[in-house]
Amino acid sequence: MPATSRRTRSDALQNRARLLEVAAQVFAEQGLDTAPVAIAKQAGVGVGTLYRHFPTREALIDAAYQHQLARVCEEAANLLARNPAAEATRMWMEHFVSYATAKSGMSAALNTVIASGIDPYADSHALLTDAVATLLEAGGRDGSLRTDVTSDDVLLLMGGIAYSVQHGTEDQARRLVDLLMDALTKGSAAS
């Protein structure tokens, strides 16, 4: 009997994760008008499973946003495990810009969540600050990044780069990331 409960729990977690991935993609690409049954079908689960995990559309939107943001932030540590700090930082910045560009399609959906009384951004700043701090600290330790720059400084600049992509091109965003990386490495022990 305990093995069945554990398996059900594992299946439920997998279903939830699939729903969050599909919902984030669908909301970003198609907006709020997508029927929950279409999201459930694309995730390979029944609509009852969707509503069991997310009783309202707003709960689904908020959870999808939080899930995507957590994945972006976790990527900082993953990249550091496989790359030198400055390279991992550049890769994470490019990943962040891609995420922010995709999230811009979710703006209307997130505004609906906010109108319902849920604050999807409540933990966003802390998650992002921690991810950037992890990168900056690693770069400070190996001498590849400046130590006089704060996570908030980098996040503010990254927000500007992400915003510019909505009005510019991906090539322009890459050039801006290059400029930011030049600023982060200038004056470091490695420069």
N, C-alpha and C. Protein backbone atom coordinates (compact mmCIF):
# COMPACT_ATOMS: atom_id res chain seq x y z
N MET A 1 0.80 -1.21 0.00
CA MET A 1 0.00 0.00 0.00
C MET A 1 0.84 1.27 0.00
N PRO A 2 1.91 1.39 0.82
CA PRO A 2 2.71 2.61 0.79
C PRO A 2 3.36 2.85 -0.58
N ALA A 3 3.73 1.78 -1.30
CA ALA A 3 4.34 1.97 -2.61
C ALA A 3 3.35 2.63 -3.57
N THR A 4 2.08 2.28 -3.48
CA THR A 4 1.06 2.88 -4.33
C THR A 4 0.91 4.37 -4.01
N SER A 5 0.88 4.71 -2.73
CA SER A 5 0.77 6.11 -2.34
C SER A 5 1.97 6.90 -2.84
N ARG A 6 3.16 6.31 -2.71
CA ARG A 6 4.36 6.99 -3.17
C ARG A 6 4.32 7.17 -4.68
N ARG A 7 3.85 6.13 -5.40
CA ARG A 7 3.76 6.24 -6.85
C ARG A 7 2.74 7.29 -7.26
N THR A 8 1.60 7.31 -6.60
CA THR A 8 0.60 8.31 -6.90
C THR A 8 1.18 9.71 -6.67
N ARG A 9 1.90 9.88 -5.60
CA ARG A 9 2.51 11.17 -5.30
C ARG A 9 3.50 11.56 -6.40
N SER A 10 4.31 10.61 -6.83
CA SER A 10 5.27 10.88 -7.90
C SER A 10 4.55 11.23 -9.20
N ASP A 11 3.51 10.49 -9.53
CA ASP A 11 2.72 10.79 -10.73
C ASP A 11 2.07 12.16 -10.63
N ALA A 12 1.56 12.48 -9.44
CA ALA A 12 0.92 13.78 -9.26
C ALA A 12 1.93 14.91 -9.46
N LEU A 13 3.15 14.73 -8.95
CA LEU A 13 4.17 15.75 -9.13
C LEU A 13 4.56 15.89 -10.60
N GLN A 14 4.64 14.77 -11.29
CA GLN A 14 4.96 14.82 -12.72
C GLN A 14 3.85 15.51 -13.50
N ASN A 15 2.61 15.19 -13.17
CA ASN A 15 1.47 15.84 -13.83
C ASN A 15 1.49 17.35 -13.60
N ARG A 16 1.76 17.73 -12.36
CA ARG A 16 1.79 19.15 -12.01
C ARG A 16 2.89 19.86 -12.81
N ALA A 17 4.07 19.25 -12.85
CA ALA A 17 5.18 19.85 -13.58
C ALA A 17 4.86 19.98 -15.07
N ARG A 18 4.26 18.95 -15.66
CA ARG A 18 3.88 19.02 -17.08
C ARG A 18 2.87 20.12 -17.31
N LEU A 19 1.88 20.21 -16.43
CA LEU A 19 0.87 21.26 -16.55
C LEU A 19 1.50 22.65 -16.49
N LEU A 20 2.45 22.84 -15.59
CA LEU A 20 3.10 24.14 -15.45
C LEU A 20 3.92 24.49 -16.69
N GLU A 21 4.63 23.53 -17.24
CA GLU A 21 5.42 23.78 -18.45
C GLU A 21 4.51 24.16 -19.62
N VAL A 22 3.48 23.37 -19.81
CA VAL A 22 2.56 23.62 -20.92
C VAL A 22 1.83 24.94 -20.72
N ALA A 23 1.34 25.19 -19.52
CA ALA A 23 0.59 26.42 -19.26
C ALA A 23 1.45 27.65 -19.50
N ALA A 24 2.70 27.64 -19.05
CA ALA A 24 3.58 28.79 -19.26
C ALA A 24 3.77 29.05 -20.74
N GLN A 25 3.99 27.99 -21.48
CA GLN A 25 4.19 28.14 -22.93
C GLN A 25 2.91 28.65 -23.61
N VAL A 26 1.78 28.05 -23.27
CA VAL A 26 0.52 28.43 -23.90
C VAL A 26 0.12 29.86 -23.55
N PHE A 27 0.23 30.23 -22.28
CA PHE A 27 -0.13 31.59 -21.90
C PHE A 27 0.78 32.61 -22.57
N ALA A 28 2.08 32.29 -22.68
CA ALA A 28 3.01 33.22 -23.32
C ALA A 28 2.70 33.36 -24.80
N GLU A 29 2.34 32.27 -25.46
CA GLU A 29 2.12 32.30 -26.90
C GLU A 29 0.70 32.72 -27.29
N GLN A 30 -0.29 32.30 -26.49
CA GLN A 30 -1.68 32.49 -26.91
C GLN A 30 -2.49 33.37 -25.98
N GLY A 31 -1.95 33.72 -24.84
CA GLY A 31 -2.67 34.57 -23.91
C GLY A 31 -3.68 33.80 -23.08
N LEU A 32 -4.54 34.56 -22.42
CA LEU A 32 -5.49 33.99 -21.46
C LEU A 32 -6.67 33.26 -22.07
N ASP A 33 -6.91 33.44 -23.34
CA ASP A 33 -8.11 32.89 -23.94
C ASP A 33 -8.06 31.38 -24.13
N THR A 34 -6.93 30.77 -23.91
CA THR A 34 -6.81 29.32 -24.09
C THR A 34 -7.65 28.61 -23.04
N ALA A 35 -8.44 27.67 -23.49
CA ALA A 35 -9.31 26.91 -22.59
C ALA A 35 -8.47 25.96 -21.74
N PRO A 36 -8.81 25.83 -20.47
CA PRO A 36 -8.08 24.90 -19.60
C PRO A 36 -8.04 23.47 -20.16
N VAL A 37 -9.11 23.07 -20.83
CA VAL A 37 -9.13 21.72 -21.39
C VAL A 37 -8.03 21.54 -22.44
N ALA A 38 -7.71 22.60 -23.19
CA ALA A 38 -6.64 22.53 -24.19
C ALA A 38 -5.27 22.40 -23.51
N ILE A 39 -5.09 23.11 -22.41
CA ILE A 39 -3.83 23.00 -21.66
C ILE A 39 -3.69 21.60 -21.10
N ALA A 40 -4.75 21.09 -20.50
CA ALA A 40 -4.72 19.73 -19.93
C ALA A 40 -4.42 18.71 -21.02
N LYS A 41 -5.08 18.83 -22.15
CA LYS A 41 -4.88 17.89 -23.24
C LYS A 41 -3.43 17.92 -23.73
N GLN A 42 -2.89 19.12 -23.92
CA GLN A 42 -1.51 19.25 -24.39
C GLN A 42 -0.53 18.68 -23.36
N ALA A 43 -0.87 18.76 -22.07
CA ALA A 43 -0.01 18.22 -21.01
C ALA A 43 -0.20 16.72 -20.85
N GLY A 44 -1.21 16.16 -21.51
CA GLY A 44 -1.44 14.73 -21.44
C GLY A 44 -2.17 14.29 -20.17
N VAL A 45 -2.97 15.19 -19.61
CA VAL A 45 -3.75 14.86 -18.41
C VAL A 45 -5.20 15.29 -18.63
N GLY A 46 -6.07 14.84 -17.77
CA GLY A 46 -7.47 15.24 -17.85
C GLY A 46 -7.67 16.61 -17.23
N VAL A 47 -8.76 17.26 -17.62
CA VAL A 47 -9.06 18.59 -17.09
C VAL A 47 -9.30 18.54 -15.58
N GLY A 48 -9.79 17.40 -15.08
CA GLY A 48 -9.98 17.23 -13.63
C GLY A 48 -8.65 17.30 -12.89
N THR A 49 -7.62 16.73 -13.49
CA THR A 49 -6.28 16.79 -12.90
C THR A 49 -5.79 18.23 -12.84
N LEU A 50 -6.03 18.98 -13.91
CA LEU A 50 -5.64 20.39 -13.93
C LEU A 50 -6.33 21.13 -12.78
N TYR A 51 -7.65 20.96 -12.66
CA TYR A 51 -8.38 21.69 -11.62
C TYR A 51 -8.06 21.19 -10.21
N ARG A 52 -7.64 19.94 -10.09
CA ARG A 52 -7.25 19.43 -8.77
C ARG A 52 -5.98 20.15 -8.29
N HIS A 53 -5.08 20.40 -9.22
CA HIS A 53 -3.84 21.11 -8.87
C HIS A 53 -4.02 22.62 -8.81
N PHE A 54 -4.84 23.15 -9.74
CA PHE A 54 -5.00 24.60 -9.89
C PHE A 54 -6.48 24.91 -10.03
N PRO A 55 -7.14 25.21 -8.91
CA PRO A 55 -8.59 25.38 -8.93
C PRO A 55 -9.10 26.58 -9.74
N THR A 56 -8.21 27.55 -10.00
CA THR A 56 -8.63 28.72 -10.79
C THR A 56 -7.58 29.00 -11.87
N ARG A 57 -7.98 29.70 -12.89
CA ARG A 57 -7.05 30.10 -13.95
C ARG A 57 -5.93 30.95 -13.36
N GLU A 58 -6.27 31.84 -12.43
CA GLU A 58 -5.27 32.70 -11.80
C GLU A 58 -4.23 31.87 -11.03
N ALA A 59 -4.69 30.83 -10.35
CA ALA A 59 -3.75 29.96 -9.61
C ALA A 59 -2.81 29.27 -10.58
N LEU A 60 -3.32 28.85 -11.73
CA LEU A 60 -2.48 28.20 -12.75
C LEU A 60 -1.46 29.19 -13.32
N ILE A 61 -1.90 30.39 -13.64
CA ILE A 61 -0.99 31.40 -14.20
C ILE A 61 0.12 31.72 -13.20
N ASP A 62 -0.27 31.95 -11.95
CA ASP A 62 0.72 32.28 -10.91
C ASP A 62 1.71 31.14 -10.75
N ALA A 63 1.23 29.92 -10.66
CA ALA A 63 2.12 28.76 -10.48
C ALA A 63 3.04 28.57 -11.68
N ALA A 64 2.52 28.79 -12.88
CA ALA A 64 3.34 28.64 -14.09
C ALA A 64 4.46 29.69 -14.10
N TYR A 65 4.12 30.91 -13.75
CA TYR A 65 5.13 31.97 -13.68
C TYR A 65 6.19 31.64 -12.64
N GLN A 66 5.76 31.24 -11.44
CA GLN A 66 6.70 30.91 -10.37
C GLN A 66 7.61 29.75 -10.76
N HIS A 67 7.03 28.74 -11.42
CA HIS A 67 7.79 27.57 -11.85
C HIS A 67 8.88 27.97 -12.86
N GLN A 68 8.50 28.78 -13.84
CA GLN A 68 9.47 29.20 -14.85
C GLN A 68 10.58 30.05 -14.23
N LEU A 69 10.21 30.95 -13.34
CA LEU A 69 11.20 31.80 -12.70
C LEU A 69 12.17 30.96 -11.86
N ALA A 70 11.65 30.00 -11.13
CA ALA A 70 12.51 29.13 -10.31
C ALA A 70 13.49 28.37 -11.20
N ARG A 71 13.02 27.91 -12.35
CA ARG A 71 13.91 27.19 -13.28
C ARG A 71 15.01 28.10 -13.79
N VAL A 72 14.68 29.34 -14.12
CA VAL A 72 15.69 30.29 -14.58
C VAL A 72 16.72 30.52 -13.49
N CYS A 73 16.26 30.70 -12.27
CA CYS A 73 17.18 30.97 -11.16
C CYS A 73 18.05 29.76 -10.83
N GLU A 74 17.49 28.57 -10.89
CA GLU A 74 18.26 27.35 -10.64
C GLU A 74 19.36 27.15 -11.68
N GLU A 75 19.14 27.68 -12.87
CA GLU A 75 20.11 27.51 -13.94
C GLU A 75 21.45 28.16 -13.61
N ALA A 76 21.47 29.16 -12.74
CA ALA A 76 22.73 29.82 -12.36
C ALA A 76 23.67 28.79 -11.73
N ALA A 77 23.19 28.04 -10.77
CA ALA A 77 24.03 27.03 -10.12
C ALA A 77 24.41 25.91 -11.09
N ASN A 78 23.47 25.52 -11.95
CA ASN A 78 23.76 24.46 -12.93
C ASN A 78 24.88 24.89 -13.87
N LEU A 79 24.81 26.13 -14.34
CA LEU A 79 25.84 26.63 -15.26
C LEU A 79 27.20 26.75 -14.56
N LEU A 80 27.18 27.17 -13.31
CA LEU A 80 28.44 27.27 -12.55
C LEU A 80 29.09 25.91 -12.33
N ALA A 81 28.28 24.89 -12.21
CA ALA A 81 28.82 23.55 -11.99
C ALA A 81 29.57 23.03 -13.23
N ARG A 82 29.27 23.60 -14.40
CA ARG A 82 29.87 23.11 -15.64
C ARG A 82 30.79 24.10 -16.34
N ASN A 83 30.83 25.35 -15.85
CA ASN A 83 31.57 26.40 -16.57
C ASN A 83 32.28 27.32 -15.59
N PRO A 84 33.35 28.00 -16.07
CA PRO A 84 33.96 29.05 -15.25
C PRO A 84 32.93 30.15 -14.96
N ALA A 85 33.14 30.88 -13.90
CA ALA A 85 32.14 31.85 -13.43
C ALA A 85 31.76 32.90 -14.46
N ALA A 86 32.71 33.51 -15.13
CA ALA A 86 32.37 34.56 -16.11
C ALA A 86 31.57 33.97 -17.27
N GLU A 87 31.97 32.79 -17.73
CA GLU A 87 31.24 32.15 -18.83
C GLU A 87 29.83 31.76 -18.38
N ALA A 88 29.72 31.22 -17.17
CA ALA A 88 28.40 30.84 -16.63
C ALA A 88 27.52 32.08 -16.49
N THR A 89 28.11 33.19 -16.09
CA THR A 89 27.35 34.43 -15.93
C THR A 89 26.81 34.90 -17.28
N ARG A 90 27.65 34.89 -18.31
CA ARG A 90 27.20 35.29 -19.65
C ARG A 90 26.07 34.35 -20.12
N MET A 91 26.26 33.06 -19.94
CA MET A 91 25.25 32.09 -20.38
C MET A 91 23.93 32.31 -19.62
N TRP A 92 24.03 32.59 -18.32
CA TRP A 92 22.81 32.81 -17.53
C TRP A 92 22.11 34.08 -18.00
N MET A 93 22.87 35.12 -18.28
CA MET A 93 22.26 36.36 -18.76
C MET A 93 21.51 36.13 -20.07
N GLU A 94 22.09 35.37 -20.97
CA GLU A 94 21.40 35.07 -22.23
C GLU A 94 20.15 34.25 -21.97
N HIS A 95 20.24 33.32 -21.03
CA HIS A 95 19.08 32.51 -20.64
C HIS A 95 17.99 33.40 -20.04
N PHE A 96 18.39 34.33 -19.20
CA PHE A 96 17.44 35.25 -18.58
C PHE A 96 16.74 36.11 -19.63
N VAL A 97 17.49 36.61 -20.59
CA VAL A 97 16.89 37.43 -21.65
C VAL A 97 15.86 36.62 -22.43
N SER A 98 16.18 35.37 -22.74
CA SER A 98 15.22 34.50 -23.44
C SER A 98 13.96 34.31 -22.60
N TYR A 99 14.15 34.07 -21.31
CA TYR A 99 13.01 33.90 -20.40
C TYR A 99 12.17 35.18 -20.34
N ALA A 100 12.83 36.32 -20.19
CA ALA A 100 12.10 37.59 -20.07
C ALA A 100 11.34 37.89 -21.35
N THR A 101 11.92 37.54 -22.49
CA THR A 101 11.24 37.76 -23.76
C THR A 101 9.99 36.89 -23.84
N ALA A 102 10.11 35.63 -23.45
CA ALA A 102 8.95 34.73 -23.47
C ALA A 102 7.90 35.19 -22.47
N LYS A 103 8.34 35.67 -21.30
CA LYS A 103 7.41 36.11 -20.26
C LYS A 103 6.63 37.34 -20.69
N SER A 104 7.19 38.13 -21.60
CA SER A 104 6.48 39.34 -21.99
C SER A 104 5.12 39.01 -22.60
N GLY A 105 5.00 37.84 -23.22
CA GLY A 105 3.71 37.41 -23.75
C GLY A 105 2.74 37.03 -22.66
N MET A 106 3.24 36.84 -21.45
CA MET A 106 2.40 36.47 -20.32
C MET A 106 1.94 37.69 -19.53
N SER A 107 2.32 38.87 -19.94
CA SER A 107 2.02 40.08 -19.17
C SER A 107 0.54 40.26 -18.88
N ALA A 108 -0.30 40.10 -19.89
CA ALA A 108 -1.74 40.27 -19.67
C ALA A 108 -2.26 39.23 -18.68
N ALA A 109 -1.73 38.03 -18.78
CA ALA A 109 -2.15 36.97 -17.86
C ALA A 109 -1.74 37.32 -16.43
N LEU A 110 -0.52 37.82 -16.26
CA LEU A 110 -0.07 38.19 -14.92
C LEU A 110 -0.84 39.37 -14.36
N ASN A 111 -1.24 40.30 -15.22
CA ASN A 111 -2.07 41.41 -14.76
C ASN A 111 -3.41 40.92 -14.24
N THR A 112 -3.97 39.90 -14.86
CA THR A 112 -5.21 39.31 -14.38
C THR A 112 -5.02 38.67 -13.01
N VAL A 113 -3.89 38.01 -12.83
CA VAL A 113 -3.57 37.39 -11.54
C VAL A 113 -3.50 38.47 -10.46
N ILE A 114 -2.81 39.56 -10.77
CA ILE A 114 -2.68 40.67 -9.80
C ILE A 114 -4.05 41.23 -9.46
N ALA A 115 -4.91 41.39 -10.46
CA ALA A 115 -6.26 41.91 -10.22
C ALA A 115 -7.07 40.99 -9.31
N SER A 116 -6.74 39.69 -9.29
CA SER A 116 -7.46 38.75 -8.44
C SER A 116 -6.97 38.78 -7.00
N GLY A 117 -5.90 39.55 -6.74
CA GLY A 117 -5.40 39.67 -5.38
C GLY A 117 -4.15 38.85 -5.10
N ILE A 118 -3.63 38.14 -6.09
CA ILE A 118 -2.42 37.35 -5.93
C ILE A 118 -1.25 38.20 -6.43
N ASP A 119 -0.13 38.17 -5.71
CA ASP A 119 1.06 38.91 -6.15
C ASP A 119 2.09 37.92 -6.69
N PRO A 120 2.12 37.72 -8.01
CA PRO A 120 3.07 36.76 -8.58
C PRO A 120 4.52 37.20 -8.43
N TYR A 121 4.75 38.47 -8.14
CA TYR A 121 6.11 38.98 -8.06
C TYR A 121 6.66 39.02 -6.64
N ALA A 122 5.89 38.56 -5.67
CA ALA A 122 6.29 38.69 -4.26
C ALA A 122 7.68 38.12 -3.99
N ASP A 123 8.00 36.97 -4.54
CA ASP A 123 9.29 36.34 -4.28
C ASP A 123 10.28 36.48 -5.43
N SER A 124 9.86 37.09 -6.51
CA SER A 124 10.69 37.17 -7.72
C SER A 124 12.04 37.83 -7.47
N HIS A 125 12.01 38.98 -6.83
CA HIS A 125 13.25 39.74 -6.63
C HIS A 125 14.25 38.93 -5.81
N ALA A 126 13.78 38.29 -4.75
CA ALA A 126 14.69 37.51 -3.91
C ALA A 126 15.30 36.34 -4.68
N LEU A 127 14.48 35.65 -5.47
CA LEU A 127 15.00 34.53 -6.26
C LEU A 127 16.05 35.00 -7.26
N LEU A 128 15.76 36.07 -7.96
CA LEU A 128 16.70 36.60 -8.95
C LEU A 128 17.96 37.14 -8.29
N THR A 129 17.81 37.84 -7.19
CA THR A 129 18.96 38.38 -6.47
C THR A 129 19.89 37.26 -6.03
N ASP A 130 19.31 36.19 -5.50
CA ASP A 130 20.12 35.05 -5.05
C ASP A 130 20.86 34.41 -6.22
N ALA A 131 20.19 34.26 -7.37
CA ALA A 131 20.83 33.65 -8.54
C ALA A 131 22.01 34.50 -9.00
N VAL A 132 21.81 35.81 -9.11
CA VAL A 132 22.89 36.70 -9.56
C VAL A 132 24.01 36.74 -8.52
N ALA A 133 23.66 36.76 -7.24
CA ALA A 133 24.68 36.77 -6.18
C ALA A 133 25.55 35.52 -6.27
N THR A 134 24.95 34.38 -6.56
CA THR A 134 25.70 33.13 -6.70
C THR A 134 26.74 33.27 -7.81
N LEU A 135 26.33 33.85 -8.93
CA LEU A 135 27.25 34.05 -10.05
C LEU A 135 28.35 35.05 -9.71
N LEU A 136 27.97 36.18 -9.13
CA LEU A 136 28.95 37.22 -8.80
C LEU A 136 29.95 36.74 -7.75
N GLU A 137 29.48 36.01 -6.77
CA GLU A 137 30.38 35.49 -5.73
C GLU A 137 31.38 34.51 -6.31
N ALA A 138 30.92 33.63 -7.20
CA ALA A 138 31.83 32.67 -7.84
C ALA A 138 32.87 33.42 -8.67
N GLY A 139 32.43 34.45 -9.40
CA GLY A 139 33.36 35.25 -10.19
C GLY A 139 34.33 36.03 -9.33
N GLY A 140 33.87 36.47 -8.17
CA GLY A 140 34.76 37.17 -7.24
C GLY A 140 35.82 36.22 -6.68
N ARG A 141 35.40 34.99 -6.39
CA ARG A 141 36.34 34.01 -5.84
C ARG A 141 37.42 33.63 -6.86
N ASP A 142 37.02 33.45 -8.13
CA ASP A 142 38.03 33.04 -9.13
C ASP A 142 38.68 34.23 -9.82
N GLY A 143 38.27 35.45 -9.47
CA GLY A 143 38.89 36.65 -10.00
C GLY A 143 38.42 37.06 -11.38
N SER A 144 37.39 36.41 -11.91
CA SER A 144 36.95 36.72 -13.28
C SER A 144 35.91 37.83 -13.34
N LEU A 145 35.29 38.17 -12.20
CA LEU A 145 34.28 39.23 -12.17
C LEU A 145 34.62 40.24 -11.08
N ARG A 146 34.21 41.46 -11.30
CA ARG A 146 34.41 42.52 -10.32
C ARG A 146 33.68 42.16 -9.03
N THR A 147 34.21 42.68 -7.94
CA THR A 147 33.59 42.43 -6.63
C THR A 147 32.87 43.66 -6.10
N ASP A 148 32.90 44.76 -6.84
CA ASP A 148 32.27 46.00 -6.37
C ASP A 148 30.90 46.24 -7.01
N VAL A 149 30.32 45.21 -7.59
CA VAL A 149 29.02 45.31 -8.25
C VAL A 149 28.02 44.49 -7.44
N THR A 150 26.82 45.00 -7.26
CA THR A 150 25.81 44.28 -6.49
C THR A 150 24.86 43.51 -7.41
N SER A 151 24.18 42.56 -6.84
CA SER A 151 23.17 41.81 -7.58
C SER A 151 22.08 42.74 -8.09
N ASP A 152 21.70 43.70 -7.29
CA ASP A 152 20.67 44.65 -7.71
C ASP A 152 21.11 45.47 -8.92
N ASP A 153 22.40 45.85 -8.95
CA ASP A 153 22.93 46.56 -10.11
C ASP A 153 22.76 45.72 -11.38
N VAL A 154 23.17 44.47 -11.29
CA VAL A 154 23.11 43.58 -12.44
C VAL A 154 21.67 43.33 -12.85
N LEU A 155 20.78 43.12 -11.89
CA LEU A 155 19.38 42.88 -12.21
C LEU A 155 18.74 44.08 -12.90
N LEU A 156 19.07 45.26 -12.44
CA LEU A 156 18.53 46.46 -13.06
C LEU A 156 18.99 46.56 -14.52
N LEU A 157 20.26 46.30 -14.75
CA LEU A 157 20.78 46.33 -16.12
C LEU A 157 20.18 45.20 -16.96
N MET A 158 20.02 44.02 -16.38
CA MET A 158 19.42 42.90 -17.11
C MET A 158 17.97 43.20 -17.46
N GLY A 159 17.26 43.87 -16.56
CA GLY A 159 15.88 44.26 -16.85
C GLY A 159 15.83 45.20 -18.04
N GLY A 160 16.78 46.12 -18.11
CA GLY A 160 16.85 47.03 -19.25
C GLY A 160 17.14 46.29 -20.54
N ILE A 161 18.03 45.32 -20.48
CA ILE A 161 18.35 44.53 -21.67
C ILE A 161 17.12 43.74 -22.11
N ALA A 162 16.45 43.11 -21.16
CA ALA A 162 15.25 42.33 -21.49
C ALA A 162 14.16 43.21 -22.09
N TYR A 163 14.01 44.41 -21.54
CA TYR A 163 13.02 45.35 -22.07
C TYR A 163 13.38 45.74 -23.49
N SER A 164 14.66 45.95 -23.75
CA SER A 164 15.08 46.38 -25.08
C SER A 164 14.79 45.33 -26.13
N VAL A 165 14.81 44.07 -25.77
CA VAL A 165 14.54 43.00 -26.73
C VAL A 165 13.12 43.10 -27.26
N GLN A 166 12.21 43.57 -26.43
CA GLN A 166 10.82 43.72 -26.87
C GLN A 166 10.70 44.79 -27.95
N HIS A 167 11.66 45.71 -28.00
CA HIS A 167 11.62 46.81 -28.95
C HIS A 167 12.79 46.79 -29.93
N GLY A 168 13.66 45.81 -29.78
CA GLY A 168 14.84 45.70 -30.64
C GLY A 168 14.93 44.30 -31.22
N THR A 169 16.16 43.80 -31.26
CA THR A 169 16.38 42.47 -31.82
C THR A 169 17.18 41.62 -30.84
N GLU A 170 17.22 40.31 -31.11
CA GLU A 170 18.02 39.43 -30.28
C GLU A 170 19.50 39.75 -30.43
N ASP A 171 19.92 40.14 -31.64
CA ASP A 171 21.32 40.53 -31.84
C ASP A 171 21.68 41.72 -30.97
N GLN A 172 20.77 42.67 -30.88
CA GLN A 172 21.01 43.83 -30.04
C GLN A 172 21.11 43.40 -28.58
N ALA A 173 20.27 42.49 -28.15
CA ALA A 173 20.32 42.00 -26.78
C ALA A 173 21.66 41.33 -26.50
N ARG A 174 22.15 40.54 -27.44
CA ARG A 174 23.45 39.89 -27.27
C ARG A 174 24.57 40.93 -27.14
N ARG A 175 24.50 41.97 -27.96
CA ARG A 175 25.51 43.04 -27.87
C ARG A 175 25.44 43.73 -26.50
N LEU A 176 24.22 43.94 -26.00
CA LEU A 176 24.08 44.57 -24.68
C LEU A 176 24.60 43.66 -23.57
N VAL A 177 24.37 42.35 -23.71
CA VAL A 177 24.94 41.41 -22.73
C VAL A 177 26.46 41.47 -22.80
N ASP A 178 27.01 41.56 -24.01
CA ASP A 178 28.47 41.69 -24.16
C ASP A 178 28.98 42.95 -23.44
N LEU A 179 28.27 44.05 -23.61
CA LEU A 179 28.67 45.29 -22.94
C LEU A 179 28.62 45.14 -21.42
N LEU A 180 27.57 44.51 -20.92
CA LEU A 180 27.45 44.30 -19.48
C LEU A 180 28.57 43.38 -18.99
N MET A 181 28.88 42.34 -19.75
CA MET A 181 29.97 41.45 -19.35
C MET A 181 31.31 42.18 -19.35
N ASP A 182 31.49 43.07 -20.34
CA ASP A 182 32.73 43.88 -20.34
C ASP A 182 32.82 44.69 -19.06
N ALA A 183 31.71 45.27 -18.65
CA ALA A 183 31.70 46.07 -17.43
C ALA A 183 31.94 45.19 -16.19
N LEU A 184 31.42 43.98 -16.19
CA LEU A 184 31.59 43.09 -15.03
C LEU A 184 32.99 42.52 -14.93
N THR A 185 33.68 42.42 -16.05
CA THR A 185 35.03 41.85 -16.01
C THR A 185 36.12 42.93 -15.94
N LYS A 186 35.79 44.15 -16.32
CA LYS A 186 36.79 45.24 -16.26
C LYS A 186 37.14 45.50 -14.79
N GLY A 187 38.40 45.49 -14.52
CA GLY A 187 38.84 45.72 -13.14
C GLY A 187 38.87 44.47 -12.29
N SER A 188 38.51 43.33 -12.87
CA SER A 188 38.61 42.07 -12.12
C SER A 188 40.06 41.61 -12.13
N ALA A 189 40.39 40.66 -11.31
CA ALA A 189 41.75 40.15 -11.24
C ALA A 189 42.17 39.52 -12.55
N ALA A 190 41.21 39.00 -13.32
CA ALA A 190 41.51 38.33 -14.59
C ALA A 190 41.70 39.31 -15.74
N SER A 191 41.29 40.57 -15.58
CA SER A 191 41.40 41.52 -16.72
C SER A 191 42.75 42.17 -16.81
